[in-house]
C-alpha atoms as a PDB file:
ATOM      1  CA  UNK A   1      20.068   0.808   7.080  1.00  0.00           C
ATOM      2  CA  UNK A   2      16.473  -0.217   6.348  1.00  0.00           C
ATOM      3  CA  UNK A   3      17.625  -2.163   3.290  1.00  0.00           C
ATOM      4  CA  UNK A   4      20.554  -3.773   5.078  1.00  0.00           C
ATOM      5  CA  UNK A   5      18.532  -4.903   8.120  1.00  0.00           C
ATOM      6  CA  UNK A   6      15.638  -6.169   5.982  1.00  0.00           C
ATOM      7  CA  UNK A   7      18.156  -8.184   3.966  1.00  0.00           C
ATOM      8  CA  UNK A   8      19.784  -9.489   7.173  1.00  0.00           C
ATOM      9  CA  UNK A   9      16.475 -10.661   8.644  1.00  0.00           C
ATOM     10  CA  UNK A  10      15.251 -12.433   5.544  1.00  0.00           C
ATOM     11  CA  UNK A  11      12.639 -10.162   4.024  1.00  0.00           C
ATOM     12  CA  UNK A  12      11.968 -11.071   0.390  1.00  0.00           C
ATOM     13  CA  UNK A  13      10.568  -7.710  -0.725  1.00  0.00           C
ATOM     14  CA  UNK A  14      10.427  -4.078   0.300  1.00  0.00           C
ATOM     15  CA  UNK A  15       8.081  -1.213  -0.497  1.00  0.00           C
ATOM     16  CA  UNK A  16      10.131   1.930  -0.968  1.00  0.00           C
ATOM     17  CA  UNK A  17       8.695   5.087   0.552  1.00  0.00           C
ATOM     18  CA  UNK A  18       8.758   8.036  -1.856  1.00  0.00           C
ATOM     19  CA  UNK A  19      10.057  10.435   0.793  1.00  0.00           C
ATOM     20  CA  UNK A  20      12.812   8.057   1.897  1.00  0.00           C
ATOM     21  CA  UNK A  21      13.815   7.420  -1.718  1.00  0.00           C
ATOM     22  CA  UNK A  22      14.284  11.146  -2.307  1.00  0.00           C
ATOM     23  CA  UNK A  23      16.277  11.417   0.927  1.00  0.00           C
ATOM     24  CA  UNK A  24      18.431   8.438  -0.094  1.00  0.00           C
ATOM     25  CA  UNK A  25      19.182  10.021  -3.473  1.00  0.00           C
ATOM     26  CA  UNK A  26      20.575  13.135  -1.824  1.00  0.00           C
ATOM     27  CA  UNK A  27      23.742  11.153  -1.044  1.00  0.00           C
ATOM     28  CA  UNK A  28      23.430   8.108  -3.349  1.00  0.00           C
ATOM     29  CA  UNK A  29      22.523   7.378  -6.945  1.00  0.00           C
ATOM     30  CA  UNK A  30      19.897   5.182  -8.573  1.00  0.00           C
ATOM     31  CA  UNK A  31      22.829   3.044  -9.734  1.00  0.00           C
ATOM     32  CA  UNK A  32      23.787   2.506  -6.071  1.00  0.00           C
ATOM     33  CA  UNK A  33      20.256   1.310  -5.354  1.00  0.00           C
ATOM     34  CA  UNK A  34      20.304  -0.989  -8.370  1.00  0.00           C
ATOM     35  CA  UNK A  35      23.606  -2.453  -7.216  1.00  0.00           C
ATOM     36  CA  UNK A  36      22.153  -3.179  -3.779  1.00  0.00           C
ATOM     37  CA  UNK A  37      19.221  -5.125  -5.209  1.00  0.00           C
ATOM     38  CA  UNK A  38      21.431  -6.860  -7.791  1.00  0.00           C
ATOM     39  CA  UNK A  39      23.649  -8.204  -5.016  1.00  0.00           C
ATOM     40  CA  UNK A  40      20.950  -8.925  -2.394  1.00  0.00           C
ATOM     41  CA  UNK A  41      18.210 -11.470  -1.897  1.00  0.00           C
ATOM     42  CA  UNK A  42      15.636  -8.796  -1.082  1.00  0.00           C
ATOM     43  CA  UNK A  43      13.996  -7.112  -4.084  1.00  0.00           C
ATOM     44  CA  UNK A  44      11.935  -3.967  -4.560  1.00  0.00           C
ATOM     45  CA  UNK A  45       8.197  -4.598  -4.867  1.00  0.00           C
ATOM     46  CA  UNK A  46       6.396  -1.242  -4.943  1.00  0.00           C
ATOM     47  CA  UNK A  47       6.789   2.471  -4.376  1.00  0.00           C
ATOM     48  CA  UNK A  48       4.623   3.860  -1.568  1.00  0.00           C
ATOM     49  CA  UNK A  49       2.957   6.259  -2.344  1.00  0.00           C
ATOM     50  CA  UNK A  50       1.517   8.918  -4.597  1.00  0.00           C
ATOM     51  CA  UNK A  51      -0.900  10.556  -2.187  1.00  0.00           C
ATOM     52  CA  UNK A  52      -4.088  12.554  -2.719  1.00  0.00           C
ATOM     53  CA  UNK A  53      -4.402  11.911  -6.445  1.00  0.00           C
ATOM     54  CA  UNK A  54      -8.008  13.055  -6.914  1.00  0.00           C
ATOM     55  CA  UNK A  55      -9.736  16.454  -6.813  1.00  0.00           C
ATOM     56  CA  UNK A  56      -6.449  18.303  -7.289  1.00  0.00           C
ATOM     57  CA  UNK A  57      -5.929  21.732  -8.822  1.00  0.00           C
ATOM     58  CA  UNK A  58      -3.617  22.087 -11.801  1.00  0.00           C
ATOM     59  CA  UNK A  59      -0.505  22.751  -9.717  1.00  0.00           C
ATOM     60  CA  UNK A  60      -1.164  19.886  -7.339  1.00  0.00           C
ATOM     61  CA  UNK A  61      -1.887  17.409 -10.102  1.00  0.00           C
ATOM     62  CA  UNK A  62       1.230  18.464 -11.998  1.00  0.00           C
ATOM     63  CA  UNK A  63       3.250  17.467  -8.930  1.00  0.00           C
ATOM     64  CA  UNK A  64       1.534  14.048  -8.882  1.00  0.00           C
ATOM     65  CA  UNK A  65       2.422  13.539 -12.544  1.00  0.00           C
ATOM     66  CA  UNK A  66       6.008  14.678 -11.897  1.00  0.00           C
ATOM     67  CA  UNK A  67       6.427  12.200  -9.031  1.00  0.00           C
ATOM     68  CA  UNK A  68       4.843   9.439 -11.114  1.00  0.00           C
ATOM     69  CA  UNK A  69       7.363  10.049 -13.891  1.00  0.00           C
ATOM     70  CA  UNK A  70      10.202  10.056 -11.351  1.00  0.00           C
ATOM     71  CA  UNK A  71       9.109   6.746  -9.835  1.00  0.00           C
ATOM     72  CA  UNK A  72       8.602   5.137 -13.232  1.00  0.00           C
ATOM     73  CA  UNK A  73      12.113   6.141 -14.261  1.00  0.00           C
ATOM     74  CA  UNK A  74      13.693   4.871 -11.037  1.00  0.00           C
ATOM     75  CA  UNK A  75      11.563   1.741 -11.237  1.00  0.00           C
ATOM     76  CA  UNK A  76      12.788   0.996 -14.741  1.00  0.00           C
ATOM     77  CA  UNK A  77      16.339   0.860 -13.362  1.00  0.00           C
ATOM     78  CA  UNK A  78      15.707  -1.156 -10.187  1.00  0.00           C
ATOM     79  CA  UNK A  79      12.876  -3.294 -11.629  1.00  0.00           C
ATOM     80  CA  UNK A  80      10.142  -1.912  -9.383  1.00  0.00           C
ATOM     81  CA  UNK A  81       6.896  -2.043 -11.333  1.00  0.00           C
ATOM     82  CA  UNK A  82       4.136  -1.077  -8.884  1.00  0.00           C
ATOM     83  CA  UNK A  83       3.159   2.262  -7.379  1.00  0.00           C
ATOM     84  CA  UNK A  84       0.668   2.662  -4.524  1.00  0.00           C
ATOM     85  CA  UNK A  85      -1.750   5.559  -5.120  1.00  0.00           C
ATOM     86  CA  UNK A  86      -3.992   7.106  -2.463  1.00  0.00           C
ATOM     87  CA  UNK A  87      -7.238   9.117  -2.778  1.00  0.00           C
ATOM     88  CA  UNK A  88      -7.769  12.595  -1.380  1.00  0.00           C
ATOM     89  CA  UNK A  89      -9.171  13.633   2.023  1.00  0.00           C
ATOM     90  CA  UNK A  90     -11.548  16.448   3.027  1.00  0.00           C
ATOM     91  CA  UNK A  91     -12.958  17.024  -0.442  1.00  0.00           C
ATOM     92  CA  UNK A  92     -16.259  18.621   0.586  1.00  0.00           C
ATOM     93  CA  UNK A  93     -19.773  17.673  -0.417  1.00  0.00           C
ATOM     94  CA  UNK A  94     -19.258  15.369  -3.376  1.00  0.00           C
ATOM     95  CA  UNK A  95     -21.585  12.418  -3.872  1.00  0.00           C
ATOM     96  CA  UNK A  96     -20.297   8.853  -4.026  1.00  0.00           C
ATOM     97  CA  UNK A  97     -20.996   8.871  -7.757  1.00  0.00           C
ATOM     98  CA  UNK A  98     -18.988  12.059  -8.257  1.00  0.00           C
ATOM     99  CA  UNK A  99     -16.134  10.607  -6.192  1.00  0.00           C
ATOM    100  CA  UNK A 100     -16.150   7.471  -8.316  1.00  0.00           C
ATOM    101  CA  UNK A 101     -16.213   9.397 -11.591  1.00  0.00           C
ATOM    102  CA  UNK A 102     -13.314  11.665 -10.571  1.00  0.00           C
ATOM    103  CA  UNK A 103     -11.224   8.814  -9.163  1.00  0.00           C
ATOM    104  CA  UNK A 104     -11.793   6.655 -12.237  1.00  0.00           C
ATOM    105  CA  UNK A 105     -10.815   9.571 -14.485  1.00  0.00           C
ATOM    106  CA  UNK A 106      -7.584  10.211 -12.593  1.00  0.00           C
ATOM    107  CA  UNK A 107      -6.652   6.520 -12.420  1.00  0.00           C
ATOM    108  CA  UNK A 108      -7.090   6.223 -16.191  1.00  0.00           C
ATOM    109  CA  UNK A 109      -4.814   9.196 -16.781  1.00  0.00           C
ATOM    110  CA  UNK A 110      -2.094   8.017 -14.388  1.00  0.00           C
ATOM    111  CA  UNK A 111      -2.355   4.440 -15.677  1.00  0.00           C
ATOM    112  CA  UNK A 112      -1.890   5.689 -19.247  1.00  0.00           C
ATOM    113  CA  UNK A 113       1.314   7.434 -18.192  1.00  0.00           C
ATOM    114  CA  UNK A 114       2.558   4.427 -16.187  1.00  0.00           C
ATOM    115  CA  UNK A 115       1.768   1.898 -18.895  1.00  0.00           C
ATOM    116  CA  UNK A 116       4.580   3.134 -21.117  1.00  0.00           C
ATOM    117  CA  UNK A 117       7.002   1.929 -18.423  1.00  0.00           C
ATOM    118  CA  UNK A 118       5.203  -1.347 -17.729  1.00  0.00           C
ATOM    119  CA  UNK A 119       4.181   0.004 -14.314  1.00  0.00           C
ATOM    120  CA  UNK A 120       0.962  -0.881 -12.450  1.00  0.00           C
ATOM    121  CA  UNK A 121      -0.988   1.235  -9.962  1.00  0.00           C
ATOM    122  CA  UNK A 122      -2.259  -0.179  -6.662  1.00  0.00           C
ATOM    123  CA  UNK A 123      -5.157   1.935  -5.385  1.00  0.00           C
ATOM    124  CA  UNK A 124      -5.328   2.145  -1.576  1.00  0.00           C
ATOM    125  CA  UNK A 125      -8.482   3.159   0.287  1.00  0.00           C
ATOM    126  CA  UNK A 126      -7.901   4.759   3.699  1.00  0.00           C
ATOM    127  CA  UNK A 127     -10.189   3.851   6.599  1.00  0.00           C
ATOM    128  CA  UNK A 128     -10.759   7.379   7.884  1.00  0.00           C
ATOM    129  CA  UNK A 129     -14.205   9.045   7.749  1.00  0.00           C
ATOM    130  CA  UNK A 130     -12.768  12.058   5.895  1.00  0.00           C
ATOM    131  CA  UNK A 131     -11.103  10.053   3.110  1.00  0.00           C
ATOM    132  CA  UNK A 132     -13.010  10.169  -0.175  1.00  0.00           C
ATOM    133  CA  UNK A 133     -12.577   6.390  -0.607  1.00  0.00           C
ATOM    134  CA  UNK A 134     -12.586   4.641   2.758  1.00  0.00           C
ATOM    135  CA  UNK A 135     -13.853   1.054   2.371  1.00  0.00           C
ATOM    136  CA  UNK A 136     -12.698  -1.980   0.438  1.00  0.00           C
ATOM    137  CA  UNK A 137     -16.019  -2.257  -1.389  1.00  0.00           C
ATOM    138  CA  UNK A 138     -15.945   1.354  -2.582  1.00  0.00           C
ATOM    139  CA  UNK A 139     -12.332   1.049  -3.733  1.00  0.00           C
ATOM    140  CA  UNK A 140     -12.919  -2.280  -5.456  1.00  0.00           C
ATOM    141  CA  UNK A 141     -15.922  -0.856  -7.316  1.00  0.00           C
ATOM    142  CA  UNK A 142     -13.688   1.967  -8.598  1.00  0.00           C
ATOM    143  CA  UNK A 143     -10.999  -0.495  -9.697  1.00  0.00           C
ATOM    144  CA  UNK A 144     -13.647  -2.546 -11.511  1.00  0.00           C
ATOM    145  CA  UNK A 145     -14.936   0.576 -13.251  1.00  0.00           C
ATOM    146  CA  UNK A 146     -11.412   1.464 -14.401  1.00  0.00           C
ATOM    147  CA  UNK A 147     -11.115  -2.085 -15.762  1.00  0.00           C
ATOM    148  CA  UNK A 148      -7.438  -2.004 -16.711  1.00  0.00           C
ATOM    149  CA  UNK A 149      -4.787  -4.682 -16.363  1.00  0.00           C
ATOM    150  CA  UNK A 150      -2.395  -2.214 -14.712  1.00  0.00           C
ATOM    151  CA  UNK A 151      -4.809  -0.940 -12.040  1.00  0.00           C
ATOM    152  CA  UNK A 152      -5.582  -2.983  -8.923  1.00  0.00           C
ATOM    153  CA  UNK A 153      -6.262  -2.520  -5.231  1.00  0.00           C
ATOM    154  CA  UNK A 154      -4.309  -2.401  -1.974  1.00  0.00           C
ATOM    155  CA  UNK A 155      -5.844  -4.418   0.842  1.00  0.00           C
ATOM    156  CA  UNK A 156      -4.669  -3.045   4.192  1.00  0.00           C
ATOM    157  CA  UNK A 157      -5.957  -4.888   7.280  1.00  0.00           C
ATOM    158  CA  UNK A 158      -5.988  -1.725   9.397  1.00  0.00           C
ATOM    159  CA  UNK A 159      -7.962   0.282   6.849  1.00  0.00           C
ATOM    160  CA  UNK A 160     -10.298  -2.672   6.229  1.00  0.00           C
ATOM    161  CA  UNK A 161     -11.064  -2.845   9.961  1.00  0.00           C
ATOM    162  CA  UNK A 162     -11.133   0.898  10.671  1.00  0.00           C
ATOM    163  CA  UNK A 163     -14.301   1.704   8.685  1.00  0.00           C
ATOM    164  CA  UNK A 164     -15.970  -1.711   8.907  1.00  0.00           C
ATOM    165  CA  UNK A 165     -15.341  -2.850   5.330  1.00  0.00           C
ATOM    166  CA  UNK A 166     -17.589  -5.779   4.451  1.00  0.00           C
ATOM    167  CA  UNK A 167     -16.086  -9.254   4.458  1.00  0.00           C
ATOM    168  CA  UNK A 168     -18.555 -10.177   1.704  1.00  0.00           C
ATOM    169  CA  UNK A 169     -16.845  -7.705  -0.643  1.00  0.00           C
ATOM    170  CA  UNK A 170     -13.485  -9.373  -0.059  1.00  0.00           C
ATOM    171  CA  UNK A 171     -15.016 -12.828  -0.485  1.00  0.00           C
ATOM    172  CA  UNK A 172     -16.269 -11.807  -3.937  1.00  0.00           C
ATOM    173  CA  UNK A 173     -13.036 -10.111  -5.058  1.00  0.00           C
ATOM    174  CA  UNK A 174     -10.789 -11.359  -7.848  1.00  0.00           C
ATOM    175  CA  UNK A 175      -7.474 -12.201  -6.123  1.00  0.00           C
ATOM    176  CA  UNK A 176      -5.598 -11.101  -9.254  1.00  0.00           C
ATOM    177  CA  UNK A 177      -6.820  -7.527  -8.622  1.00  0.00           C
ATOM    178  CA  UNK A 178      -5.220  -7.416  -5.154  1.00  0.00           C
ATOM    179  CA  UNK A 179      -1.862  -5.943  -6.138  1.00  0.00           C
ATOM    180  CA  UNK A 180      -0.571  -5.230  -2.607  1.00  0.00           C
ATOM    181  CA  UNK A 181      -1.523  -6.698   0.781  1.00  0.00           C
ATOM    182  CA  UNK A 182      -0.595  -4.767   3.938  1.00  0.00           C
ATOM    183  CA  UNK A 183      -0.748  -6.507   7.290  1.00  0.00           C
ATOM    184  CA  UNK A 184      -1.028  -4.621  10.576  1.00  0.00           C
ATOM    185  CA  UNK A 185      -3.192  -4.514  13.660  1.00  0.00           C
ATOM    186  CA  UNK A 186      -4.576  -1.774  15.882  1.00  0.00           C
ATOM    187  CA  UNK A 187      -5.828  -0.693  19.265  1.00  0.00           C
ATOM    188  CA  UNK A 188      -9.491  -1.278  20.138  1.00  0.00           C
ATOM    189  CA  UNK A 189     -11.026   2.085  19.253  1.00  0.00           C
ATOM    190  CA  UNK A 190     -14.509   2.718  17.783  1.00  0.00           C
ATOM    191  CA  UNK A 191     -15.229   2.851  14.055  1.00  0.00           C
ATOM    192  CA  UNK A 192     -14.101   6.196  12.668  1.00  0.00           C
ATOM    193  CA  UNK A 193     -11.712   6.958  15.544  1.00  0.00           C
ATOM    194  CA  UNK A 194      -8.685   4.940  14.434  1.00  0.00           C
ATOM    195  CA  UNK A 195      -5.639   6.656  12.947  1.00  0.00           C
ATOM    196  CA  UNK A 196      -2.204   5.476  11.823  1.00  0.00           C
ATOM    197  CA  UNK A 197      -0.631   6.022  15.244  1.00  0.00           C
ATOM    198  CA  UNK A 198      -2.967   3.370  16.674  1.00  0.00           C
ATOM    199  CA  UNK A 199      -1.425   0.562  14.590  1.00  0.00           C
ATOM    200  CA  UNK A 200       0.338  -2.243  16.453  1.00  0.00           C
ATOM    201  CA  UNK A 201       2.222  -5.406  15.521  1.00  0.00           C
ATOM    202  CA  UNK A 202       0.194  -8.064  13.666  1.00  0.00           C
ATOM    203  CA  UNK A 203      -1.593 -10.257  16.197  1.00  0.00           C
ATOM    204  CA  UNK A 204      -1.208  -7.722  19.014  1.00  0.00           C
ATOM    205  CA  UNK A 205      -4.445  -5.820  18.518  1.00  0.00           C
ATOM    206  CA  UNK A 206      -8.163  -5.991  17.795  1.00  0.00           C
ATOM    207  CA  UNK A 207      -8.234  -6.663  14.028  1.00  0.00           C
ATOM    208  CA  UNK A 208      -9.614 -10.089  13.124  1.00  0.00           C
ATOM    209  CA  UNK A 209      -6.590 -11.042  11.041  1.00  0.00           C
ATOM    210  CA  UNK A 210      -7.628 -14.695  11.019  1.00  0.00           C
ATOM    211  CA  UNK A 211     -10.824 -14.022   9.106  1.00  0.00           C
ATOM    212  CA  UNK A 212      -9.045 -11.775   6.574  1.00  0.00           C
ATOM    213  CA  UNK A 213      -6.224 -14.262   6.038  1.00  0.00           C
ATOM    214  CA  UNK A 214      -8.620 -17.191   5.815  1.00  0.00           C
ATOM    215  CA  UNK A 215     -10.694 -15.342   3.229  1.00  0.00           C
ATOM    216  CA  UNK A 216      -7.617 -14.490   1.166  1.00  0.00           C
ATOM    217  CA  UNK A 217      -6.607 -18.139   1.212  1.00  0.00           C
ATOM    218  CA  UNK A 218     -10.111 -19.226   0.194  1.00  0.00           C
ATOM    219  CA  UNK A 219     -10.310 -16.857  -2.794  1.00  0.00           C
ATOM    220  CA  UNK A 220      -6.861 -17.943  -3.963  1.00  0.00           C
ATOM    221  CA  UNK A 221      -4.629 -15.005  -3.047  1.00  0.00           C
ATOM    222  CA  UNK A 222      -1.054 -16.021  -2.201  1.00  0.00           C
ATOM    223  CA  UNK A 223       1.262 -13.365  -3.657  1.00  0.00           C
ATOM    224  CA  UNK A 224       2.833 -11.248  -0.942  1.00  0.00           C
ATOM    225  CA  UNK A 225       2.281  -9.548   2.404  1.00  0.00           C
ATOM    226  CA  UNK A 226       3.937  -6.341   3.573  1.00  0.00           C
ATOM    227  CA  UNK A 227       4.023  -5.270   7.214  1.00  0.00           C
ATOM    228  CA  UNK A 228       3.159  -1.567   7.450  1.00  0.00           C
ATOM    229  CA  UNK A 229       3.043   0.278  10.762  1.00  0.00           C
ATOM    230  CA  UNK A 230       3.064   3.924  11.812  1.00  0.00           C
ATOM    231  CA  UNK A 231       3.212   3.600  15.590  1.00  0.00           C
ATOM    232  CA  UNK A 232       5.566   6.396  16.793  1.00  0.00           C
ATOM    233  CA  UNK A 233       6.675   4.234  19.737  1.00  0.00           C
ATOM    234  CA  UNK A 234       8.175   1.710  17.325  1.00  0.00           C
ATOM    235  CA  UNK A 235      10.126   4.432  15.529  1.00  0.00           C
ATOM    236  CA  UNK A 236      11.880   5.127  18.819  1.00  0.00           C
ATOM    237  CA  UNK A 237      13.122   1.546  19.050  1.00  0.00           C
ATOM    238  CA  UNK A 238      16.553   0.525  17.865  1.00  0.00           C
ATOM    239  CA  UNK A 239      16.112   0.096  14.096  1.00  0.00           C
ATOM    240  CA  UNK A 240      17.160  -3.536  13.826  1.00  0.00           C
ATOM    241  CA  UNK A 241      14.818  -4.549  16.658  1.00  0.00           C
ATOM    242  CA  UNK A 242      11.876  -2.911  14.875  1.00  0.00           C
ATOM    243  CA  UNK A 243      12.613  -4.629  11.561  1.00  0.00           C
ATOM    244  CA  UNK A 244      13.182  -8.015  13.198  1.00  0.00           C
ATOM    245  CA  UNK A 245       9.965  -7.754  15.239  1.00  0.00           C
ATOM    246  CA  UNK A 246       7.995  -6.851  12.119  1.00  0.00           C
ATOM    247  CA  UNK A 247       9.234 -10.001  10.385  1.00  0.00           C
ATOM    248  CA  UNK A 248       8.569 -12.275  13.357  1.00  0.00           C
ATOM    249  CA  UNK A 249       5.061 -10.998  14.156  1.00  0.00           C
ATOM    250  CA  UNK A 250       4.015 -11.108  10.501  1.00  0.00           C
ATOM    251  CA  UNK A 251       5.198 -14.696  10.071  1.00  0.00           C
ATOM    252  CA  UNK A 252       3.428 -15.710  13.262  1.00  0.00           C
ATOM    253  CA  UNK A 253       0.181 -14.149  12.027  1.00  0.00           C
ATOM    254  CA  UNK A 254       0.167 -15.713   8.554  1.00  0.00           C
ATOM    255  CA  UNK A 255       1.676 -19.166   9.117  1.00  0.00           C
ATOM    256  CA  UNK A 256      -1.668 -20.866   9.838  1.00  0.00           C
ATOM    257  CA  UNK A 257      -2.958 -19.916   6.385  1.00  0.00           C
ATOM    258  CA  UNK A 258       0.133 -19.576   4.189  1.00  0.00           C
ATOM    259  CA  UNK A 259       3.341 -21.575   3.946  1.00  0.00           C
END
């Protein structure tokens, strides 16, 4: 239904949630998914997400590698060549340098595995105080240290706002390293207090979307934007209404800066 309504309302691309993909494949095949994209205007853009990739024990990391392999294999069939990867929360008393070293190490290993399939990794910081990588600047520094063609960053407006990421860091970023751009908005809560359930439609909250969009335009980014919300209230809406509203509010937010 998500695919069909996104196609109906003119979305160009969709990020496929890992959990929903596995649920879909309980009753369908990868060939069914390929057939949908082959016969539709909408195309797959990225898988979202491999979560908590750093500071894992052997069992936990083996599961990350297993899911990476699974997504690479599905992606090779449906032509989906990006995977969002997310750092780990509540890691204890590691220094910023130790966090960078561990995250760089893991990204190199996962990127090596993905490269054989022509797949790129989009590293997403999370704007919560307990996330090991929680600002754009910190995440971008890690991506620069990895220094690989198939590793870039996810810019999410909510996460950028939630921990006061610096606009100067975005102004100095290479637009080619922004692999995925998530648009969203949020309620007006203090720094450190915001969580996913506080996200609202683009333009309906307290995030300064204009300054982010203007900066992206100025540095030369113009690839894609993906609306990503986790407001439980919206999940209770009729599905088509939610998908249509996401399209309309996103277009309204970006049209001043992008055609």
